[in-house]
């Protein structure tokens, strides 16, 4: 962050703050993570005034934190709005495939928390299909594991579908050495 601030490069500052925020989130320091994401979003507004919210991977990571902290339907709906906002960006470019898939996964996660499982199922499928189209193997296990967890919900219990997603995720994890996903898959 210090080097990014010294460089006066707003892109680097946004990136640095989101990396810090994501790390803090994963360490369970939720309040500090939220402050860092808020700072990144302020810088985002200076850097790209036409895009006032974090989007793509950074927006996905911020939504994950907000969803973890959500304690009301209104807070979940706000995260849902962020996911839908991300889908309203220019989606005709092929390099936005990851962006689209991440927003579908955000929406699916929110709908699951809101217990709107029928809608969530469609978004999970679109997310997994999207990450495959994007060719981003490094993210694919996360998508498959999230969808498998969805299949294991009591209201949706589908052991065969969950096992299929987990087997595919495990295969990718082992083949590509993605040990960070291994525990989640187990």
Protein backbone atom coordinates (compact mmCIF):
# COMPACT_ATOMS: atom_id res chain seq x y z
CA UNK A 1 0.00 0.00 0.00
CA UNK A 2 2.82 2.39 0.84
CA UNK A 3 4.51 1.83 -2.53
CA UNK A 4 1.20 2.17 -4.36
CA UNK A 5 0.49 5.45 -2.57
CA UNK A 6 3.98 6.73 -3.36
CA UNK A 7 3.48 5.89 -7.03
CA UNK A 8 0.18 7.86 -7.12
CA UNK A 9 -1.18 5.05 -9.34
CA UNK A 10 -4.85 4.67 -8.36
CA UNK A 11 -5.13 1.21 -9.96
CA UNK A 12 -2.25 -0.04 -7.80
CA UNK A 13 -3.79 1.56 -4.72
CA UNK A 14 -7.17 -0.10 -5.31
CA UNK A 15 -5.45 -3.43 -5.94
CA UNK A 16 -3.31 -3.14 -2.79
CA UNK A 17 -6.25 -2.28 -0.56
CA UNK A 18 -8.36 -5.15 -1.93
CA UNK A 19 -5.50 -7.62 -1.42
CA UNK A 20 -5.11 -6.43 2.16
CA UNK A 21 -8.87 -6.55 2.73
CA UNK A 22 -9.13 -10.08 1.36
CA UNK A 23 -6.27 -11.23 3.57
CA UNK A 24 -7.84 -9.62 6.63
CA UNK A 25 -11.19 -11.23 5.78
CA UNK A 26 -9.59 -14.66 5.54
CA UNK A 27 -7.91 -14.08 8.89
CA UNK A 28 -11.25 -13.24 10.48
CA UNK A 29 -10.49 -9.55 10.97
CA UNK A 30 -13.83 -8.53 9.48
CA UNK A 31 -14.03 -4.92 10.63
CA UNK A 32 -10.53 -4.11 9.40
CA UNK A 33 -11.26 -5.92 6.14
CA UNK A 34 -14.41 -3.87 5.62
CA UNK A 35 -12.53 -0.61 6.21
CA UNK A 36 -9.90 -1.62 3.67
CA UNK A 37 -12.54 -2.57 1.09
CA UNK A 38 -14.30 0.75 1.69
CA UNK A 39 -11.02 2.57 1.10
CA UNK A 40 -10.48 0.58 -2.10
CA UNK A 41 -13.95 1.52 -3.29
CA UNK A 42 -13.29 5.21 -2.59
CA UNK A 43 -10.14 4.96 -4.68
CA UNK A 44 -12.09 3.07 -7.36
CA UNK A 45 -14.47 6.04 -7.61
CA UNK A 46 -11.53 8.39 -8.14
CA UNK A 47 -9.86 6.06 -10.66
CA UNK A 48 -13.01 5.14 -12.63
CA UNK A 49 -15.85 7.54 -11.80
CA UNK A 50 -18.12 5.67 -14.23
CA UNK A 51 -17.72 2.51 -12.08
CA UNK A 52 -18.43 3.58 -8.50
CA UNK A 53 -18.36 0.03 -7.07
CA UNK A 54 -15.64 -2.57 -7.00
CA UNK A 55 -16.31 -5.18 -9.66
CA UNK A 56 -14.92 -8.43 -11.05
CA UNK A 57 -12.63 -10.28 -8.62
CA UNK A 58 -12.35 -7.32 -6.26
CA UNK A 59 -16.11 -6.85 -6.15
CA UNK A 60 -16.59 -10.59 -5.63
CA UNK A 61 -14.21 -10.55 -2.67
CA UNK A 62 -15.97 -7.53 -1.14
CA UNK A 63 -19.36 -9.19 -1.62
CA UNK A 64 -18.07 -12.32 0.12
CA UNK A 65 -17.18 -10.22 3.17
CA UNK A 66 -20.48 -8.33 3.11
CA UNK A 67 -22.41 -11.59 2.83
CA UNK A 68 -20.45 -13.09 5.73
CA UNK A 69 -21.42 -10.07 7.84
CA UNK A 70 -25.03 -9.77 6.63
CA UNK A 71 -27.52 -10.13 9.47
CA UNK A 72 -30.70 -9.01 7.77
CA UNK A 73 -32.60 -9.49 4.56
CA UNK A 74 -31.87 -5.86 3.65
CA UNK A 75 -28.12 -6.43 3.95
CA UNK A 76 -28.38 -9.56 1.79
CA UNK A 77 -30.44 -7.63 -0.76
CA UNK A 78 -27.71 -4.96 -0.86
CA UNK A 79 -25.13 -7.65 -1.73
CA UNK A 80 -27.52 -9.05 -4.33
CA UNK A 81 -27.71 -5.56 -5.82
CA UNK A 82 -23.92 -5.46 -6.05
CA UNK A 83 -23.89 -8.79 -7.89
CA UNK A 84 -26.52 -7.58 -10.32
CA UNK A 85 -24.65 -4.28 -10.75
CA UNK A 86 -21.63 -6.29 -11.86
CA UNK A 87 -23.67 -8.02 -14.53
CA UNK A 88 -24.73 -4.65 -15.96
CA UNK A 89 -21.17 -3.84 -17.02
CA UNK A 90 -20.30 -4.26 -20.71
CA UNK A 91 -20.49 -8.04 -21.01
CA UNK A 92 -19.80 -8.45 -24.71
CA UNK A 93 -16.05 -8.70 -24.28
CA UNK A 94 -14.65 -12.20 -23.95
CA UNK A 95 -12.27 -11.06 -21.19
CA UNK A 96 -15.32 -10.41 -19.01
CA UNK A 97 -16.16 -14.13 -18.77
CA UNK A 98 -14.50 -14.39 -15.34
CA UNK A 99 -16.28 -11.22 -14.26
CA UNK A 100 -19.67 -12.64 -15.30
CA UNK A 101 -19.02 -15.99 -13.61
CA UNK A 102 -18.00 -14.30 -10.34
CA UNK A 103 -21.18 -12.21 -10.35
CA UNK A 104 -23.29 -15.30 -10.98
CA UNK A 105 -21.59 -16.98 -8.02
CA UNK A 106 -22.21 -13.93 -5.82
CA UNK A 107 -25.88 -13.86 -6.78
CA UNK A 108 -26.22 -17.63 -6.21
CA UNK A 109 -24.66 -17.30 -2.74
CA UNK A 110 -26.96 -14.45 -1.76
CA UNK A 111 -30.06 -16.24 -3.04
CA UNK A 112 -29.02 -19.30 -1.04
CA UNK A 113 -28.72 -17.22 2.11
CA UNK A 114 -32.15 -15.74 1.37
CA UNK A 115 -33.46 -19.32 0.95
CA UNK A 116 -34.47 -18.71 -2.65
CA UNK A 117 -33.02 -22.04 -3.71
CA UNK A 118 -34.80 -22.45 -7.04
CA UNK A 119 -33.34 -19.17 -8.29
CA UNK A 120 -29.96 -19.94 -6.72
CA UNK A 121 -29.70 -23.29 -8.56
CA UNK A 122 -29.83 -21.56 -11.92
CA UNK A 123 -27.17 -19.03 -10.92
CA UNK A 124 -24.86 -21.75 -9.57
CA UNK A 125 -25.15 -23.58 -12.89
CA UNK A 126 -24.46 -20.38 -14.83
CA UNK A 127 -21.48 -19.64 -12.57
CA UNK A 128 -19.89 -23.07 -13.10
CA UNK A 129 -20.57 -22.96 -16.84
CA UNK A 130 -19.13 -19.44 -16.95
CA UNK A 131 -15.92 -20.27 -15.11
CA UNK A 132 -15.38 -23.17 -17.50
CA UNK A 133 -15.88 -20.86 -20.50
CA UNK A 134 -13.48 -18.37 -18.96
CA UNK A 135 -10.86 -21.12 -18.75
CA UNK A 136 -9.81 -19.98 -15.29
CA UNK A 137 -8.78 -23.31 -13.77
CA UNK A 138 -7.42 -21.58 -10.67
CA UNK A 139 -10.97 -20.56 -9.67
CA UNK A 140 -12.89 -23.62 -10.86
CA UNK A 141 -12.56 -25.70 -7.65
CA UNK A 142 -14.08 -22.86 -5.60
CA UNK A 143 -17.10 -22.73 -7.92
CA UNK A 144 -17.55 -26.50 -7.83
CA UNK A 145 -17.19 -26.69 -4.04
CA UNK A 146 -19.72 -23.89 -3.55
CA UNK A 147 -22.20 -25.62 -5.84
CA UNK A 148 -21.60 -28.95 -4.07
CA UNK A 149 -22.38 -27.29 -0.73
CA UNK A 150 -25.57 -25.97 -2.28
CA UNK A 151 -26.49 -29.51 -3.39
CA UNK A 152 -25.99 -30.65 0.22
CA UNK A 153 -28.53 -28.22 1.67
CA UNK A 154 -31.40 -30.15 3.31
CA UNK A 155 -33.91 -28.44 1.04
CA UNK A 156 -31.95 -29.41 -2.10
CA UNK A 157 -30.25 -32.63 -1.02
CA UNK A 158 -28.71 -34.20 -4.12
CA UNK A 159 -25.82 -36.42 -3.06
CA UNK A 160 -25.05 -37.54 -6.60
CA UNK A 161 -24.66 -33.98 -7.91
CA UNK A 162 -22.60 -32.95 -4.87
CA UNK A 163 -20.32 -35.97 -5.25
CA UNK A 164 -19.84 -35.23 -8.96
CA UNK A 165 -18.83 -31.60 -8.26
CA UNK A 166 -16.51 -32.63 -5.44
CA UNK A 167 -14.84 -35.33 -7.53
CA UNK A 168 -14.21 -32.86 -10.33
CA UNK A 169 -12.88 -30.27 -7.88
CA UNK A 170 -10.64 -32.86 -6.20
CA UNK A 171 -9.26 -33.94 -9.57
CA UNK A 172 -8.37 -30.34 -10.48
CA UNK A 173 -6.91 -29.68 -7.03
CA UNK A 174 -4.64 -32.73 -7.21
CA UNK A 175 -3.66 -32.26 -10.86
CA UNK A 176 -2.84 -28.57 -10.47
CA UNK A 177 -1.42 -28.63 -6.92
CA UNK A 178 -4.05 -26.24 -5.53
CA UNK A 179 -3.63 -27.26 -1.90
CA UNK A 180 -5.51 -24.23 -0.56
CA UNK A 181 -8.73 -25.72 -1.92
CA UNK A 182 -8.04 -29.27 -0.67
CA UNK A 183 -9.39 -28.72 2.84
CA UNK A 184 -12.58 -27.08 1.55
CA UNK A 185 -13.09 -29.97 -0.83
CA UNK A 186 -12.69 -32.54 1.95
